[in-house]
Amino acid sequence: MTVIMMNARELILAYTANIADPVAASTLFADDGVIELPYLESLGIPPRIEGPDAIREFITGLLERVPDFGFDEVNIFIETDDQIFGEWSVETTTVDGRPFSQTYAGRLVAENGKIKLLRESLDLVRAARAMLPNGVADIPQ
């Protein structure tokens, strides 16, 4: 059996292409692979999701709130075989009809053909407007 090893570019392209399929997206991560969303704790989202099972559950939860979530464009600005830095964007609506428009900036670290780390940042105000019942007013001060 031949194992195909993906580099960082191939992994981010596979992840963004498969985000609407939580199983496919989560299998791209190493057993100790992590998604870090450092600023989202104030929205009730854990800042660190570790392991394929937890990542699959996280993506499933996201799709319950934003069923048509999918990345429209991926731009890679810095790249080596094992790391990339770039932006990926989404334009859709939440289940209650709110616009969900976001550009993520992220760094992906690949190890042994899997995602070891995906650290993303995004516009917290835009996320709050889309995801919280009272928008930005629900962000704790």
Protein backbone atom coordinates (compact mmCIF):
# COMPACT_ATOMS: atom_id res chain seq x y z
CA MET A 1 0.00 0.00 0.00
CA THR A 2 1.36 3.41 -0.98
CA VAL A 3 0.98 6.24 1.51
CA ILE A 4 0.74 9.68 -0.06
CA MET A 5 2.42 12.32 2.07
CA MET A 6 0.95 15.81 1.70
CA ASN A 7 2.97 18.96 2.21
CA ALA A 8 1.65 22.11 3.91
CA ARG A 9 0.16 23.60 0.71
CA GLU A 10 -1.63 20.38 -0.16
CA LEU A 11 -2.95 20.06 3.39
CA ILE A 12 -4.43 23.57 3.54
CA LEU A 13 -6.00 23.12 0.11
CA ALA A 14 -7.48 19.77 1.20
CA TYR A 15 -8.70 21.23 4.51
CA THR A 16 -10.38 24.24 2.92
CA ALA A 17 -11.89 22.11 0.13
CA ASN A 18 -13.31 19.58 2.63
CA ILE A 19 -14.47 21.84 5.48
CA ALA A 20 -18.12 20.95 4.80
CA ASP A 21 -17.26 17.29 5.48
CA PRO A 22 -16.18 17.08 9.14
CA VAL A 23 -14.86 13.52 8.80
CA ALA A 24 -12.74 14.28 5.74
CA ALA A 25 -11.42 17.54 7.20
CA SER A 26 -10.59 16.05 10.61
CA THR A 27 -8.69 13.08 9.15
CA LEU A 28 -6.14 15.54 7.77
CA PHE A 29 -4.95 16.19 11.34
CA ALA A 30 -2.32 14.22 13.24
CA ASP A 31 -3.46 12.36 16.34
CA ASP A 32 -2.14 15.27 18.38
CA GLY A 33 -3.01 17.87 15.73
CA VAL A 34 -4.51 21.14 16.92
CA ILE A 35 -6.69 23.98 15.71
CA GLU A 36 -6.01 27.14 17.68
CA LEU A 37 -8.45 30.06 17.58
CA PRO A 38 -6.83 32.27 20.23
CA TYR A 39 -9.40 35.07 20.34
CA LEU A 40 -12.68 33.15 20.26
CA GLU A 41 -12.90 32.17 23.91
CA SER A 42 -14.98 35.32 24.53
CA LEU A 43 -17.56 33.89 22.09
CA GLY A 44 -17.74 30.62 24.03
CA ILE A 45 -15.53 28.75 21.57
CA PRO A 46 -12.58 26.86 23.05
CA PRO A 47 -9.31 28.48 21.93
CA ARG A 48 -7.63 25.09 21.36
CA ILE A 49 -9.20 21.99 19.82
CA GLU A 50 -6.92 18.94 19.87
CA GLY A 51 -7.14 15.63 18.04
CA PRO A 52 -9.19 14.50 15.05
CA ASP A 53 -12.27 13.54 17.12
CA ALA A 54 -12.50 16.93 18.85
CA ILE A 55 -11.81 18.71 15.56
CA ARG A 56 -14.57 16.71 13.84
CA GLU A 57 -17.00 17.69 16.63
CA PHE A 58 -15.94 21.34 16.36
CA ILE A 59 -16.51 21.43 12.59
CA THR A 60 -19.85 19.61 13.01
CA GLY A 61 -20.94 22.27 15.52
CA LEU A 62 -19.86 25.05 13.18
CA LEU A 63 -21.88 23.53 10.34
CA GLU A 64 -24.95 23.33 12.59
CA ARG A 65 -24.73 27.13 13.03
CA VAL A 66 -23.50 27.92 9.50
CA PRO A 67 -24.73 25.05 7.27
CA ASP A 68 -23.32 26.39 4.00
CA PHE A 69 -19.90 27.15 5.47
CA GLY A 70 -17.26 26.76 2.81
CA PHE A 71 -14.11 28.60 1.87
CA ASP A 72 -14.35 30.64 -1.31
CA GLU A 73 -10.74 31.62 -1.82
CA VAL A 74 -7.35 30.55 -0.48
CA ASN A 75 -4.30 32.78 -0.82
CA ILE A 76 -0.93 31.48 0.34
CA PHE A 77 1.63 34.19 1.04
CA ILE A 78 4.52 32.32 2.68
CA GLU A 79 5.29 28.67 2.07
CA THR A 80 7.77 25.91 2.80
CA ASP A 81 7.17 22.17 2.58
CA ASP A 82 6.11 22.00 6.22
CA GLN A 83 4.53 25.44 6.83
CA ILE A 84 2.28 27.93 5.12
CA PHE A 85 0.84 31.28 6.03
CA GLY A 86 -2.14 32.62 4.16
CA GLU A 87 -5.75 33.73 4.15
CA TRP A 88 -8.97 31.89 3.35
CA SER A 89 -12.40 33.46 3.20
CA VAL A 90 -16.06 32.54 3.51
CA GLU A 91 -19.27 34.39 2.54
CA THR A 92 -22.54 32.79 3.61
CA THR A 93 -25.32 33.08 6.21
CA THR A 94 -26.03 31.51 9.58
CA VAL A 95 -29.09 29.34 10.30
CA ASP A 96 -30.96 32.45 11.46
CA GLY A 97 -30.15 34.36 8.28
CA ARG A 98 -27.34 36.57 9.58
CA PRO A 99 -24.51 37.25 7.17
CA PHE A 100 -21.35 35.31 7.91
CA SER A 101 -18.48 36.98 6.10
CA GLN A 102 -14.99 36.30 7.29
CA THR A 103 -11.39 36.24 6.17
CA TYR A 104 -9.20 33.96 8.24
CA ALA A 105 -5.45 34.48 8.45
CA GLY A 106 -3.64 31.34 9.41
CA ARG A 107 -0.48 29.36 9.81
CA LEU A 108 -0.45 25.65 9.14
CA VAL A 109 2.37 23.39 10.32
CA ALA A 110 2.61 19.97 8.65
CA GLU A 111 4.34 16.96 10.13
CA ASN A 112 4.55 13.51 8.54
CA GLY A 113 1.91 14.40 5.95
CA LYS A 114 -0.69 15.57 8.51
CA ILE A 115 -1.70 18.88 10.04
CA LYS A 116 0.13 19.33 13.34
CA LEU A 117 -1.09 22.89 13.95
CA LEU A 118 -3.59 25.19 12.31
CA ARG A 119 -3.62 28.56 14.07
CA GLU A 120 -6.22 30.95 12.73
CA SER A 121 -7.19 34.52 13.48
CA LEU A 122 -10.28 36.35 12.32
CA ASP A 123 -12.31 39.50 12.85
CA LEU A 124 -13.89 38.95 16.27
CA VAL A 125 -16.49 41.71 15.83
CA ARG A 126 -17.75 40.21 12.56
CA ALA A 127 -17.86 36.76 14.19
CA ALA A 128 -19.82 38.09 17.18
CA ARG A 129 -22.34 39.83 14.92
CA ALA A 130 -22.95 36.58 13.10
CA MET A 131 -22.85 34.08 15.96
CA LEU A 132 -24.09 35.73 19.18
CA PRO A 133 -27.78 36.49 19.86
CA ASN A 134 -27.09 40.16 20.63
CA GLY A 135 -24.01 40.50 18.49
CA VAL A 136 -21.11 42.49 19.88
CA ALA A 137 -23.13 43.37 23.01
CA ASP A 138 -22.69 39.75 24.15
CA ILE A 139 -18.89 39.95 24.27
CA PRO A 140 -17.84 40.19 27.93
CA GLN A 141 -15.95 43.38 28.77
